[in-house]
Amino acid sequence: MQIDIILDVICPWCFIGKRRLERALAQRPDLIVSRSWRAFQLNPEMPSEGFPHELYIAARFGNHGAAERSHAAARAAGRREGIAFAFERIRRTPNTLQAHRLIHLASVEGNADEMVESLFRGYFLEGLDIGDIATLATIAPRAGLDRTMAERYLASQTGIEEVLAEEHRVRRFGIRAVPYFVLQRGYAISGAQEPEMFLPLFDIAAGPGSDTMADKA
């Protein structure tokens, strides 16, 4: 079964949604699943060098109380998924184009799942600037990529057109918020839903004619 996950790596609910999808898949161990990570930039107009996080939060939420309530909700949900969000460590809100390019490279190398996880952890747990090429190059080996290769790739123009085209396709289909999950046969789930919401769609999408591990045995 194919699952396309549309996300941005500075979205805390995308991180939570990833964990919940993984818990749902653990309840269907017979499924053969291929995951593809699709680019979506929450802030496509963000300067390439990013923006001070404190100013970004003020502009987005309008007041400190609203920001704290939003962070508290994400922290509470994150704890249930084993994620210890450290929003206080984030100093810069990045432009995520470079991070999506790194995911694109990792997809070619077969390491996309590991790269998405590494980017989430780097940003939300360590407060790393995942819009900075040098920082991304240090993250790349965590997902099994060669650091020098990753740095050269990010310093080039390779992959930019592909990532932007992918995001254009996503938006053309009317997707305006993430996370968003598209299952085989076109079934979709919007938001960081609990694992139980995935299970009936797994069963429908992986119906007669779909390969499972049992079928391959």
N, C-alpha and C. Protein backbone atom coordinates (compact mmCIF):
# COMPACT_ATOMS: atom_id res chain seq x y z
N MET A 1 0.83 -1.19 0.00
CA MET A 1 0.00 0.00 0.00
C MET A 1 0.87 1.25 0.00
N GLN A 2 0.54 2.17 -0.86
CA GLN A 2 1.27 3.43 -0.96
C GLN A 2 0.62 4.47 -0.05
N ILE A 3 1.44 5.17 0.73
CA ILE A 3 0.96 6.28 1.54
C ILE A 3 1.82 7.50 1.22
N ASP A 4 1.18 8.56 0.75
CA ASP A 4 1.86 9.83 0.52
C ASP A 4 1.58 10.73 1.71
N ILE A 5 2.64 11.25 2.32
CA ILE A 5 2.50 12.14 3.47
C ILE A 5 2.93 13.53 3.06
N ILE A 6 2.00 14.47 3.09
CA ILE A 6 2.31 15.86 2.77
C ILE A 6 2.59 16.56 4.09
N LEU A 7 3.73 17.23 4.18
CA LEU A 7 4.15 17.78 5.47
C LEU A 7 5.12 18.93 5.29
N ASP A 8 5.32 19.65 6.40
CA ASP A 8 6.45 20.57 6.51
C ASP A 8 7.17 20.22 7.80
N VAL A 9 8.49 20.29 7.76
CA VAL A 9 9.28 19.83 8.91
C VAL A 9 9.40 20.86 10.02
N ILE A 10 8.71 22.01 9.91
CA ILE A 10 8.62 22.92 11.04
C ILE A 10 7.20 22.92 11.62
N CYS A 11 6.41 21.94 11.24
CA CYS A 11 5.05 21.80 11.75
C CYS A 11 5.03 20.76 12.87
N PRO A 12 4.79 21.17 14.12
CA PRO A 12 4.80 20.18 15.21
C PRO A 12 3.75 19.11 15.05
N TRP A 13 2.61 19.47 14.47
CA TRP A 13 1.55 18.48 14.30
C TRP A 13 1.88 17.48 13.20
N CYS A 14 2.77 17.84 12.30
CA CYS A 14 3.27 16.86 11.32
C CYS A 14 4.13 15.81 12.00
N PHE A 15 4.95 16.24 12.97
CA PHE A 15 5.76 15.31 13.75
C PHE A 15 4.85 14.38 14.53
N ILE A 16 3.85 14.94 15.18
CA ILE A 16 2.88 14.14 15.93
C ILE A 16 2.13 13.20 14.98
N GLY A 17 1.72 13.72 13.83
CA GLY A 17 1.02 12.88 12.86
C GLY A 17 1.87 11.73 12.37
N LYS A 18 3.15 11.95 12.20
CA LYS A 18 4.08 10.88 11.79
C LYS A 18 4.08 9.77 12.84
N ARG A 19 4.17 10.14 14.09
CA ARG A 19 4.17 9.16 15.17
C ARG A 19 2.86 8.37 15.21
N ARG A 20 1.75 9.08 15.02
CA ARG A 20 0.46 8.40 15.09
C ARG A 20 0.26 7.47 13.91
N LEU A 21 0.74 7.86 12.75
CA LEU A 21 0.70 6.96 11.59
C LEU A 21 1.52 5.71 11.88
N GLU A 22 2.69 5.88 12.48
CA GLU A 22 3.54 4.73 12.80
C GLU A 22 2.85 3.80 13.80
N ARG A 23 2.15 4.37 14.77
CA ARG A 23 1.42 3.53 15.73
C ARG A 23 0.29 2.78 15.04
N ALA A 24 -0.37 3.45 14.11
CA ALA A 24 -1.45 2.78 13.38
C ALA A 24 -0.90 1.63 12.53
N LEU A 25 0.22 1.88 11.86
CA LEU A 25 0.82 0.83 11.03
C LEU A 25 1.27 -0.36 11.88
N ALA A 26 1.71 -0.09 13.10
CA ALA A 26 2.12 -1.18 13.99
C ALA A 26 0.97 -2.11 14.32
N GLN A 27 -0.26 -1.61 14.18
CA GLN A 27 -1.44 -2.44 14.44
C GLN A 27 -1.88 -3.22 13.20
N ARG A 28 -1.23 -2.97 12.09
CA ARG A 28 -1.48 -3.73 10.86
C ARG A 28 -0.16 -4.25 10.32
N PRO A 29 0.51 -5.14 11.09
CA PRO A 29 1.85 -5.59 10.70
C PRO A 29 1.90 -6.40 9.41
N ASP A 30 0.74 -6.85 8.93
CA ASP A 30 0.71 -7.63 7.70
C ASP A 30 0.78 -6.77 6.45
N LEU A 31 0.57 -5.46 6.60
CA LEU A 31 0.58 -4.58 5.43
C LEU A 31 1.99 -4.35 4.91
N ILE A 32 2.13 -4.36 3.61
CA ILE A 32 3.37 -3.90 2.96
C ILE A 32 3.13 -2.46 2.56
N VAL A 33 3.87 -1.56 3.16
CA VAL A 33 3.63 -0.12 3.00
C VAL A 33 4.85 0.57 2.43
N SER A 34 4.61 1.43 1.45
CA SER A 34 5.65 2.31 0.92
C SER A 34 5.23 3.73 1.22
N ARG A 35 6.10 4.48 1.92
CA ARG A 35 5.78 5.86 2.29
C ARG A 35 6.58 6.83 1.43
N SER A 36 5.89 7.86 0.95
CA SER A 36 6.54 8.93 0.20
C SER A 36 6.23 10.24 0.91
N TRP A 37 7.27 11.07 1.08
CA TRP A 37 7.14 12.33 1.80
C TRP A 37 7.09 13.47 0.80
N ARG A 38 5.99 14.22 0.80
CA ARG A 38 5.74 15.26 -0.20
C ARG A 38 5.89 16.65 0.43
N ALA A 39 6.54 17.53 -0.31
CA ALA A 39 6.88 18.86 0.21
C ALA A 39 5.66 19.78 0.29
N PHE A 40 5.62 20.52 1.39
CA PHE A 40 4.65 21.59 1.59
C PHE A 40 5.32 22.63 2.48
N GLN A 41 5.43 23.86 2.00
CA GLN A 41 6.04 24.91 2.81
C GLN A 41 4.95 25.74 3.48
N LEU A 42 4.96 25.75 4.80
CA LEU A 42 4.01 26.57 5.53
C LEU A 42 4.22 28.05 5.25
N ASN A 43 5.49 28.40 5.02
CA ASN A 43 5.84 29.81 4.80
C ASN A 43 6.66 29.94 3.52
N PRO A 44 6.04 29.76 2.35
CA PRO A 44 6.81 29.78 1.10
C PRO A 44 7.47 31.13 0.82
N GLU A 45 6.97 32.19 1.45
CA GLU A 45 7.55 33.52 1.23
C GLU A 45 8.63 33.87 2.26
N MET A 46 8.95 32.93 3.12
CA MET A 46 9.97 33.18 4.14
C MET A 46 11.31 33.50 3.47
N PRO A 47 12.04 34.52 3.96
CA PRO A 47 13.38 34.78 3.40
C PRO A 47 14.25 33.53 3.47
N SER A 48 15.16 33.39 2.53
CA SER A 48 16.00 32.20 2.47
C SER A 48 16.81 32.00 3.75
N GLU A 49 17.14 33.12 4.43
CA GLU A 49 17.93 33.02 5.66
C GLU A 49 17.05 32.79 6.89
N GLY A 50 15.73 32.72 6.69
CA GLY A 50 14.84 32.51 7.82
C GLY A 50 14.51 33.82 8.52
N PHE A 51 13.93 33.68 9.73
CA PHE A 51 13.45 34.85 10.47
C PHE A 51 13.58 34.55 11.96
N PRO A 52 13.92 35.54 12.77
CA PRO A 52 14.00 35.29 14.23
C PRO A 52 12.71 34.65 14.75
N HIS A 53 12.85 33.57 15.46
CA HIS A 53 11.68 32.78 15.85
C HIS A 53 10.74 33.58 16.75
N GLU A 54 11.28 34.34 17.66
CA GLU A 54 10.44 35.11 18.58
C GLU A 54 9.56 36.10 17.81
N LEU A 55 10.14 36.74 16.79
CA LEU A 55 9.36 37.69 15.99
C LEU A 55 8.33 36.97 15.13
N TYR A 56 8.71 35.81 14.63
CA TYR A 56 7.78 35.01 13.83
C TYR A 56 6.57 34.59 14.67
N ILE A 57 6.83 34.13 15.88
CA ILE A 57 5.75 33.69 16.77
C ILE A 57 4.83 34.86 17.10
N ALA A 58 5.43 36.03 17.35
CA ALA A 58 4.63 37.22 17.68
C ALA A 58 3.73 37.60 16.51
N ALA A 59 4.28 37.52 15.30
CA ALA A 59 3.50 37.87 14.11
C ALA A 59 2.41 36.85 13.84
N ARG A 60 2.70 35.60 14.09
CA ARG A 60 1.73 34.54 13.79
C ARG A 60 0.58 34.50 14.80
N PHE A 61 0.92 34.59 16.09
CA PHE A 61 -0.11 34.41 17.12
C PHE A 61 -0.66 35.72 17.68
N GLY A 62 0.07 36.81 17.50
CA GLY A 62 -0.44 38.09 17.96
C GLY A 62 -0.16 38.41 19.40
N ASN A 63 -0.14 37.39 20.27
CA ASN A 63 0.18 37.64 21.67
C ASN A 63 0.81 36.40 22.29
N HIS A 64 1.50 36.62 23.38
CA HIS A 64 2.25 35.53 24.03
C HIS A 64 1.33 34.44 24.53
N GLY A 65 0.16 34.81 25.03
CA GLY A 65 -0.76 33.82 25.57
C GLY A 65 -1.23 32.82 24.52
N ALA A 66 -1.53 33.32 23.34
CA ALA A 66 -1.99 32.43 22.26
C ALA A 66 -0.88 31.48 21.85
N ALA A 67 0.34 31.98 21.79
CA ALA A 67 1.47 31.13 21.43
C ALA A 67 1.69 30.05 22.48
N GLU A 68 1.59 30.43 23.76
CA GLU A 68 1.77 29.46 24.84
C GLU A 68 0.70 28.38 24.81
N ARG A 69 -0.52 28.75 24.53
CA ARG A 69 -1.60 27.76 24.45
C ARG A 69 -1.37 26.78 23.31
N SER A 70 -0.91 27.31 22.18
CA SER A 70 -0.63 26.45 21.03
C SER A 70 0.51 25.49 21.35
N HIS A 71 1.58 26.01 21.95
CA HIS A 71 2.72 25.17 22.31
C HIS A 71 2.34 24.13 23.36
N ALA A 72 1.51 24.54 24.33
CA ALA A 72 1.09 23.61 25.38
C ALA A 72 0.30 22.44 24.80
N ALA A 73 -0.56 22.74 23.82
CA ALA A 73 -1.34 21.67 23.19
C ALA A 73 -0.42 20.70 22.45
N ALA A 74 0.55 21.25 21.73
CA ALA A 74 1.49 20.39 21.00
C ALA A 74 2.36 19.59 21.97
N ARG A 75 2.79 20.22 23.06
CA ARG A 75 3.61 19.50 24.04
C ARG A 75 2.83 18.33 24.65
N ALA A 76 1.57 18.58 25.01
CA ALA A 76 0.76 17.53 25.61
C ALA A 76 0.56 16.37 24.64
N ALA A 77 0.24 16.68 23.39
CA ALA A 77 0.07 15.63 22.39
C ALA A 77 1.40 14.93 22.11
N GLY A 78 2.48 15.71 22.08
CA GLY A 78 3.79 15.15 21.83
C GLY A 78 4.22 14.17 22.90
N ARG A 79 3.95 14.49 24.16
CA ARG A 79 4.34 13.59 25.24
C ARG A 79 3.71 12.22 25.06
N ARG A 80 2.47 12.19 24.59
CA ARG A 80 1.80 10.90 24.38
C ARG A 80 2.41 10.11 23.23
N GLU A 81 3.17 10.81 22.38
CA GLU A 81 3.81 10.14 21.24
C GLU A 81 5.31 10.01 21.43
N GLY A 82 5.80 10.30 22.63
CA GLY A 82 7.23 10.17 22.90
C GLY A 82 8.07 11.31 22.35
N ILE A 83 7.45 12.47 22.13
CA ILE A 83 8.16 13.64 21.60
C ILE A 83 8.25 14.69 22.70
N ALA A 84 9.45 15.08 23.05
CA ALA A 84 9.66 16.11 24.08
C ALA A 84 9.96 17.44 23.38
N PHE A 85 8.92 18.09 22.90
CA PHE A 85 9.13 19.36 22.19
C PHE A 85 9.89 20.35 23.06
N ALA A 86 10.89 20.99 22.46
CA ALA A 86 11.69 22.00 23.15
C ALA A 86 11.60 23.30 22.36
N PHE A 87 10.41 23.88 22.31
CA PHE A 87 10.20 25.10 21.53
C PHE A 87 11.12 26.23 21.98
N GLU A 88 11.47 26.22 23.26
CA GLU A 88 12.32 27.29 23.80
C GLU A 88 13.72 27.28 23.21
N ARG A 89 14.14 26.18 22.60
CA ARG A 89 15.47 26.10 22.00
C ARG A 89 15.52 26.69 20.58
N ILE A 90 14.36 26.86 19.98
CA ILE A 90 14.32 27.34 18.60
C ILE A 90 14.61 28.85 18.57
N ARG A 91 15.62 29.22 17.83
CA ARG A 91 16.00 30.63 17.72
C ARG A 91 15.64 31.23 16.36
N ARG A 92 15.45 30.37 15.37
CA ARG A 92 15.20 30.87 14.03
C ARG A 92 14.16 29.99 13.33
N THR A 93 13.15 30.63 12.74
CA THR A 93 12.20 29.92 11.91
C THR A 93 12.76 29.89 10.50
N PRO A 94 13.02 28.71 9.96
CA PRO A 94 13.71 28.64 8.67
C PRO A 94 12.78 28.66 7.47
N ASN A 95 13.33 29.01 6.33
CA ASN A 95 12.74 28.67 5.05
C ASN A 95 13.04 27.18 4.86
N THR A 96 12.02 26.37 4.58
CA THR A 96 12.22 24.92 4.57
C THR A 96 12.52 24.31 3.21
N LEU A 97 12.75 25.14 2.20
CA LEU A 97 13.03 24.60 0.87
C LEU A 97 14.25 23.68 0.91
N GLN A 98 15.33 24.10 1.58
CA GLN A 98 16.54 23.29 1.61
C GLN A 98 16.29 21.96 2.33
N ALA A 99 15.51 21.99 3.40
CA ALA A 99 15.20 20.76 4.12
C ALA A 99 14.40 19.80 3.23
N HIS A 100 13.46 20.33 2.47
CA HIS A 100 12.69 19.48 1.55
C HIS A 100 13.59 18.93 0.44
N ARG A 101 14.56 19.71 0.01
CA ARG A 101 15.51 19.20 -0.98
C ARG A 101 16.31 18.03 -0.39
N LEU A 102 16.67 18.13 0.88
CA LEU A 102 17.42 17.05 1.51
C LEU A 102 16.57 15.79 1.62
N ILE A 103 15.29 15.97 1.90
CA ILE A 103 14.37 14.81 1.91
C ILE A 103 14.29 14.20 0.51
N HIS A 104 14.25 15.07 -0.50
CA HIS A 104 14.21 14.60 -1.88
C HIS A 104 15.46 13.77 -2.20
N LEU A 105 16.62 14.26 -1.78
CA LEU A 105 17.86 13.51 -1.99
C LEU A 105 17.81 12.18 -1.25
N ALA A 106 17.34 12.21 -0.01
CA ALA A 106 17.26 10.99 0.78
C ALA A 106 16.30 9.99 0.16
N SER A 107 15.25 10.48 -0.50
CA SER A 107 14.32 9.57 -1.17
C SER A 107 15.01 8.81 -2.29
N VAL A 108 15.86 9.52 -3.03
CA VAL A 108 16.62 8.87 -4.11
C VAL A 108 17.54 7.80 -3.54
N GLU A 109 18.09 8.07 -2.35
CA GLU A 109 19.03 7.14 -1.72
C GLU A 109 18.33 6.07 -0.89
N GLY A 110 17.00 6.17 -0.76
CA GLY A 110 16.25 5.18 0.01
C GLY A 110 16.24 5.43 1.50
N ASN A 111 16.51 6.66 1.93
CA ASN A 111 16.60 6.97 3.35
C ASN A 111 15.62 8.07 3.77
N ALA A 112 14.54 8.24 3.08
CA ALA A 112 13.66 9.37 3.34
C ALA A 112 13.03 9.32 4.72
N ASP A 113 12.58 8.14 5.17
CA ASP A 113 11.96 8.05 6.49
C ASP A 113 12.92 8.52 7.57
N GLU A 114 14.16 8.06 7.48
CA GLU A 114 15.17 8.44 8.47
C GLU A 114 15.48 9.93 8.41
N MET A 115 15.46 10.49 7.20
CA MET A 115 15.76 11.91 7.06
C MET A 115 14.66 12.77 7.66
N VAL A 116 13.42 12.43 7.40
CA VAL A 116 12.31 13.19 7.97
C VAL A 116 12.39 13.16 9.50
N GLU A 117 12.63 12.00 10.05
CA GLU A 117 12.76 11.88 11.50
C GLU A 117 13.92 12.73 12.02
N SER A 118 15.04 12.70 11.34
CA SER A 118 16.22 13.45 11.78
C SER A 118 15.97 14.96 11.72
N LEU A 119 15.27 15.42 10.70
CA LEU A 119 14.96 16.84 10.59
C LEU A 119 14.00 17.28 11.69
N PHE A 120 12.99 16.49 11.93
CA PHE A 120 12.06 16.80 13.02
C PHE A 120 12.80 16.90 14.35
N ARG A 121 13.63 15.90 14.64
CA ARG A 121 14.34 15.88 15.91
C ARG A 121 15.32 17.04 16.01
N GLY A 122 16.00 17.33 14.91
CA GLY A 122 16.96 18.42 14.92
C GLY A 122 16.30 19.75 15.21
N TYR A 123 15.14 19.99 14.61
CA TYR A 123 14.46 21.27 14.78
C TYR A 123 13.73 21.36 16.12
N PHE A 124 12.91 20.37 16.43
CA PHE A 124 12.03 20.48 17.59
C PHE A 124 12.67 20.06 18.91
N LEU A 125 13.69 19.22 18.87
CA LEU A 125 14.32 18.79 20.11
C LEU A 125 15.62 19.53 20.39
N GLU A 126 16.34 19.89 19.31
CA GLU A 126 17.64 20.55 19.47
C GLU A 126 17.64 22.03 19.10
N GLY A 127 16.60 22.49 18.44
CA GLY A 127 16.54 23.88 18.04
C GLY A 127 17.49 24.24 16.92
N LEU A 128 17.84 23.27 16.06
CA LEU A 128 18.78 23.53 14.97
C LEU A 128 18.11 24.33 13.86
N ASP A 129 18.90 25.13 13.18
CA ASP A 129 18.41 25.92 12.05
C ASP A 129 18.43 25.03 10.80
N ILE A 130 17.30 24.41 10.50
CA ILE A 130 17.27 23.47 9.38
C ILE A 130 17.03 24.16 8.05
N GLY A 131 17.24 25.46 8.01
CA GLY A 131 17.28 26.17 6.74
C GLY A 131 18.70 26.47 6.31
N ASP A 132 19.65 26.19 7.19
CA ASP A 132 21.06 26.48 6.95
C ASP A 132 21.74 25.26 6.33
N ILE A 133 22.42 25.46 5.22
CA ILE A 133 23.02 24.34 4.49
C ILE A 133 24.06 23.61 5.33
N ALA A 134 24.91 24.34 6.04
CA ALA A 134 25.94 23.69 6.86
C ALA A 134 25.30 22.84 7.95
N THR A 135 24.23 23.35 8.54
CA THR A 135 23.53 22.59 9.59
C THR A 135 22.88 21.34 9.00
N LEU A 136 22.25 21.48 7.84
CA LEU A 136 21.64 20.32 7.19
C LEU A 136 22.68 19.27 6.84
N ALA A 137 23.87 19.71 6.47
CA ALA A 137 24.93 18.77 6.14
C ALA A 137 25.34 17.95 7.37
N THR A 138 25.25 18.55 8.56
CA THR A 138 25.58 17.80 9.78
C THR A 138 24.46 16.82 10.15
N ILE A 139 23.23 17.13 9.72
CA ILE A 139 22.10 16.24 10.00
C ILE A 139 22.10 15.06 9.03
N ALA A 140 22.55 15.27 7.81
CA ALA A 140 22.47 14.24 6.77
C ALA A 140 23.01 12.87 7.20
N PRO A 141 24.20 12.80 7.86
CA PRO A 141 24.71 11.49 8.24
C PRO A 141 23.83 10.74 9.23
N ARG A 142 23.01 11.44 9.98
CA ARG A 142 22.11 10.77 10.91
C ARG A 142 21.12 9.88 10.17
N ALA A 143 20.86 10.22 8.93
CA ALA A 143 19.94 9.45 8.10
C ALA A 143 20.69 8.57 7.10
N GLY A 144 21.99 8.44 7.30
CA GLY A 144 22.78 7.55 6.46
C GLY A 144 23.31 8.15 5.19
N LEU A 145 23.22 9.49 5.04
CA LEU A 145 23.77 10.14 3.85
C LEU A 145 25.18 10.64 4.12
N ASP A 146 25.97 10.67 3.08
CA ASP A 146 27.33 11.20 3.19
C ASP A 146 27.26 12.72 3.36
N ARG A 147 27.97 13.23 4.33
CA ARG A 147 27.89 14.67 4.62
C ARG A 147 28.39 15.52 3.45
N THR A 148 29.51 15.15 2.89
CA THR A 148 30.07 15.94 1.80
C THR A 148 29.14 15.92 0.59
N MET A 149 28.59 14.77 0.26
CA MET A 149 27.65 14.68 -0.86
C MET A 149 26.44 15.56 -0.62
N ALA A 150 25.92 15.53 0.60
CA ALA A 150 24.74 16.33 0.92
C ALA A 150 25.04 17.82 0.82
N GLU A 151 26.21 18.22 1.30
CA GLU A 151 26.56 19.64 1.28
C GLU A 151 26.73 20.13 -0.16
N ARG A 152 27.37 19.31 -1.01
CA ARG A 152 27.53 19.69 -2.41
C ARG A 152 26.18 19.77 -3.11
N TYR A 153 25.33 18.83 -2.82
CA TYR A 153 23.98 18.82 -3.41
C TYR A 153 23.22 20.09 -3.03
N LEU A 154 23.23 20.44 -1.76
CA LEU A 154 22.49 21.61 -1.29
C LEU A 154 23.08 22.92 -1.80
N ALA A 155 24.38 22.93 -2.05
CA ALA A 155 25.02 24.13 -2.58
C ALA A 155 24.75 24.32 -4.07
N SER A 156 24.22 23.29 -4.72
CA SER A 156 23.90 23.36 -6.15
C SER A 156 22.44 23.76 -6.33
N GLN A 157 21.98 23.71 -7.56
CA GLN A 157 20.58 23.98 -7.87
C GLN A 157 19.78 22.68 -8.06
N THR A 158 20.42 21.55 -7.89
CA THR A 158 19.78 20.26 -8.13
C THR A 158 18.61 20.05 -7.16
N GLY A 159 17.52 19.60 -7.69
CA GLY A 159 16.36 19.25 -6.86
C GLY A 159 15.41 20.37 -6.57
N ILE A 160 15.82 21.62 -6.79
CA ILE A 160 14.94 22.74 -6.48
C ILE A 160 13.68 22.69 -7.33
N GLU A 161 13.86 22.52 -8.61
CA GLU A 161 12.71 22.50 -9.53
C GLU A 161 11.76 21.37 -9.18
N GLU A 162 12.31 20.20 -8.84
CA GLU A 162 11.47 19.05 -8.52
C GLU A 162 10.65 19.30 -7.25
N VAL A 163 11.27 19.87 -6.23
CA VAL A 163 10.57 20.13 -4.97
C VAL A 163 9.47 21.16 -5.17
N LEU A 164 9.77 22.24 -5.89
CA LEU A 164 8.77 23.27 -6.12
C LEU A 164 7.62 22.74 -6.97
N ALA A 165 7.94 21.90 -7.94
CA ALA A 165 6.89 21.31 -8.78
C ALA A 165 5.99 20.40 -7.95
N GLU A 166 6.60 19.66 -7.05
CA GLU A 166 5.83 18.77 -6.17
C GLU A 166 4.89 19.57 -5.29
N GLU A 167 5.39 20.66 -4.72
CA GLU A 167 4.53 21.49 -3.88
C GLU A 167 3.41 22.12 -4.70
N HIS A 168 3.71 22.52 -5.91
CA HIS A 168 2.67 23.09 -6.79
C HIS A 168 1.57 22.08 -7.03
N ARG A 169 1.93 20.82 -7.27
CA ARG A 169 0.92 19.78 -7.49
C ARG A 169 0.05 19.61 -6.26
N VAL A 170 0.69 19.62 -5.10
CA VAL A 170 -0.05 19.45 -3.85
C VAL A 170 -1.08 20.56 -3.68
N ARG A 171 -0.65 21.80 -3.88
CA ARG A 171 -1.56 22.93 -3.71
C ARG A 171 -2.65 22.94 -4.79
N ARG A 172 -2.30 22.47 -5.97
CA ARG A 172 -3.29 22.42 -7.06
C ARG A 172 -4.43 21.47 -6.71
N PHE A 173 -4.13 20.45 -5.91
CA PHE A 173 -5.17 19.52 -5.48
C PHE A 173 -5.99 20.06 -4.31
N GLY A 174 -5.71 21.29 -3.90
CA GLY A 174 -6.52 21.92 -2.87
C GLY A 174 -6.05 21.72 -1.45
N ILE A 175 -4.87 21.15 -1.27
CA ILE A 175 -4.35 20.93 0.08
C ILE A 175 -3.76 22.24 0.59
N ARG A 176 -4.26 22.69 1.73
CA ARG A 176 -3.83 23.97 2.28
C ARG A 176 -3.31 23.85 3.71
N ALA A 177 -3.39 22.67 4.28
CA ALA A 177 -2.93 22.47 5.65
C ALA A 177 -2.30 21.08 5.77
N VAL A 178 -1.35 20.96 6.68
CA VAL A 178 -0.64 19.70 6.89
C VAL A 178 -0.61 19.37 8.38
N PRO A 179 -0.47 18.06 8.70
CA PRO A 179 -0.18 16.94 7.80
C PRO A 179 -1.42 16.51 7.02
N TYR A 180 -1.16 15.84 5.90
CA TYR A 180 -2.21 15.34 5.04
C TYR A 180 -1.72 14.01 4.49
N PHE A 181 -2.53 12.98 4.64
CA PHE A 181 -2.13 11.63 4.25
C PHE A 181 -3.03 11.12 3.13
N VAL A 182 -2.42 10.67 2.06
CA VAL A 182 -3.18 10.11 0.94
C VAL A 182 -2.80 8.65 0.80
N LEU A 183 -3.80 7.79 0.97
CA LEU A 183 -3.58 6.36 0.89
C LEU A 183 -3.87 5.86 -0.52
N GLN A 184 -3.41 4.67 -0.77
CA GLN A 184 -3.68 4.01 -2.04
C GLN A 184 -5.17 4.07 -2.35
N ARG A 185 -5.49 4.25 -3.64
CA ARG A 185 -6.87 4.37 -4.12
C ARG A 185 -7.49 5.73 -3.80
N GLY A 186 -6.70 6.66 -3.31
CA GLY A 186 -7.17 8.02 -3.15
C GLY A 186 -7.82 8.36 -1.83
N TYR A 187 -7.84 7.45 -0.86
CA TYR A 187 -8.40 7.77 0.44
C TYR A 187 -7.46 8.73 1.17
N ALA A 188 -8.02 9.72 1.85
CA ALA A 188 -7.19 10.76 2.46
C ALA A 188 -7.61 11.02 3.90
N ILE A 189 -6.63 11.43 4.70
CA ILE A 189 -6.86 11.84 6.08
C ILE A 189 -6.12 13.16 6.28
N SER A 190 -6.83 14.15 6.81
CA SER A 190 -6.25 15.45 7.07
C SER A 190 -6.02 15.62 8.56
N GLY A 191 -4.85 16.13 8.93
CA GLY A 191 -4.56 16.41 10.33
C GLY A 191 -3.86 15.26 11.04
N ALA A 192 -3.40 15.56 12.26
CA ALA A 192 -2.68 14.57 13.06
C ALA A 192 -3.69 13.71 13.81
N GLN A 193 -4.38 12.85 13.08
CA GLN A 193 -5.45 12.06 13.66
C GLN A 193 -4.88 10.93 14.53
N GLU A 194 -5.70 10.48 15.47
CA GLU A 194 -5.32 9.35 16.31
C GLU A 194 -5.20 8.09 15.45
N PRO A 195 -4.39 7.12 15.88
CA PRO A 195 -4.18 5.91 15.09
C PRO A 195 -5.47 5.20 14.68
N GLU A 196 -6.47 5.24 15.55
CA GLU A 196 -7.73 4.54 15.26
C GLU A 196 -8.43 5.09 14.02
N MET A 197 -8.15 6.33 13.67
CA MET A 197 -8.78 6.91 12.48
C MET A 197 -8.18 6.33 11.20
N PHE A 198 -6.94 5.85 11.26
CA PHE A 198 -6.29 5.30 10.08
C PHE A 198 -6.76 3.88 9.78
N LEU A 199 -7.05 3.13 10.83
CA LEU A 199 -7.23 1.68 10.67
C LEU A 199 -8.30 1.28 9.67
N PRO A 200 -9.51 1.84 9.72
CA PRO A 200 -10.51 1.41 8.72
C PRO A 200 -10.11 1.77 7.29
N LEU A 201 -9.41 2.89 7.12
CA LEU A 201 -8.97 3.25 5.77
C LEU A 201 -7.85 2.33 5.29
N PHE A 202 -6.98 1.90 6.21
CA PHE A 202 -5.98 0.90 5.84
C PHE A 202 -6.68 -0.34 5.27
N ASP A 203 -7.69 -0.79 5.97
CA ASP A 203 -8.37 -2.02 5.58
C ASP A 203 -9.06 -1.88 4.23
N ILE A 204 -9.63 -0.70 3.98
CA ILE A 204 -10.30 -0.47 2.69
C ILE A 204 -9.27 -0.32 1.57
N ALA A 205 -8.25 0.51 1.82
CA ALA A 205 -7.25 0.79 0.78
C ALA A 205 -6.44 -0.44 0.43
N ALA A 206 -6.23 -1.32 1.42
CA ALA A 206 -5.45 -2.53 1.19
C ALA A 206 -6.37 -3.73 0.98
N GLY A 207 -7.50 -3.50 0.36
CA GLY A 207 -8.48 -4.55 0.13
C GLY A 207 -8.02 -5.58 -0.88
N PRO A 208 -8.93 -6.36 -1.43
CA PRO A 208 -8.57 -7.42 -2.39
C PRO A 208 -7.71 -6.89 -3.52
N GLY A 209 -6.64 -7.62 -3.78
CA GLY A 209 -5.75 -7.23 -4.86
C GLY A 209 -4.51 -6.52 -4.39
N SER A 210 -4.48 -6.09 -3.11
CA SER A 210 -3.30 -5.43 -2.58
C SER A 210 -2.36 -6.44 -1.97
N ASP A 211 -1.06 -6.20 -2.09
CA ASP A 211 -0.07 -7.11 -1.55
C ASP A 211 0.08 -6.91 -0.05
N THR A 212 0.21 -8.00 0.69
CA THR A 212 0.56 -7.96 2.10
C THR A 212 1.71 -8.89 2.33
N MET A 213 2.30 -8.81 3.52
CA MET A 213 3.39 -9.72 3.84
C MET A 213 2.92 -11.17 3.82
N ALA A 214 1.65 -11.36 4.25
CA ALA A 214 1.11 -12.73 4.22
C ALA A 214 1.01 -13.25 2.81
N ASP A 215 0.63 -12.37 1.87
CA ASP A 215 0.51 -12.80 0.47
C ASP A 215 1.86 -13.21 -0.08
N LYS A 216 2.94 -12.52 0.41
CA LYS A 216 4.28 -12.79 -0.12
C LYS A 216 4.89 -14.05 0.47
N ALA A 217 4.32 -14.52 1.63
CA ALA A 217 4.92 -15.66 2.31
C ALA A 217 4.75 -16.95 1.50
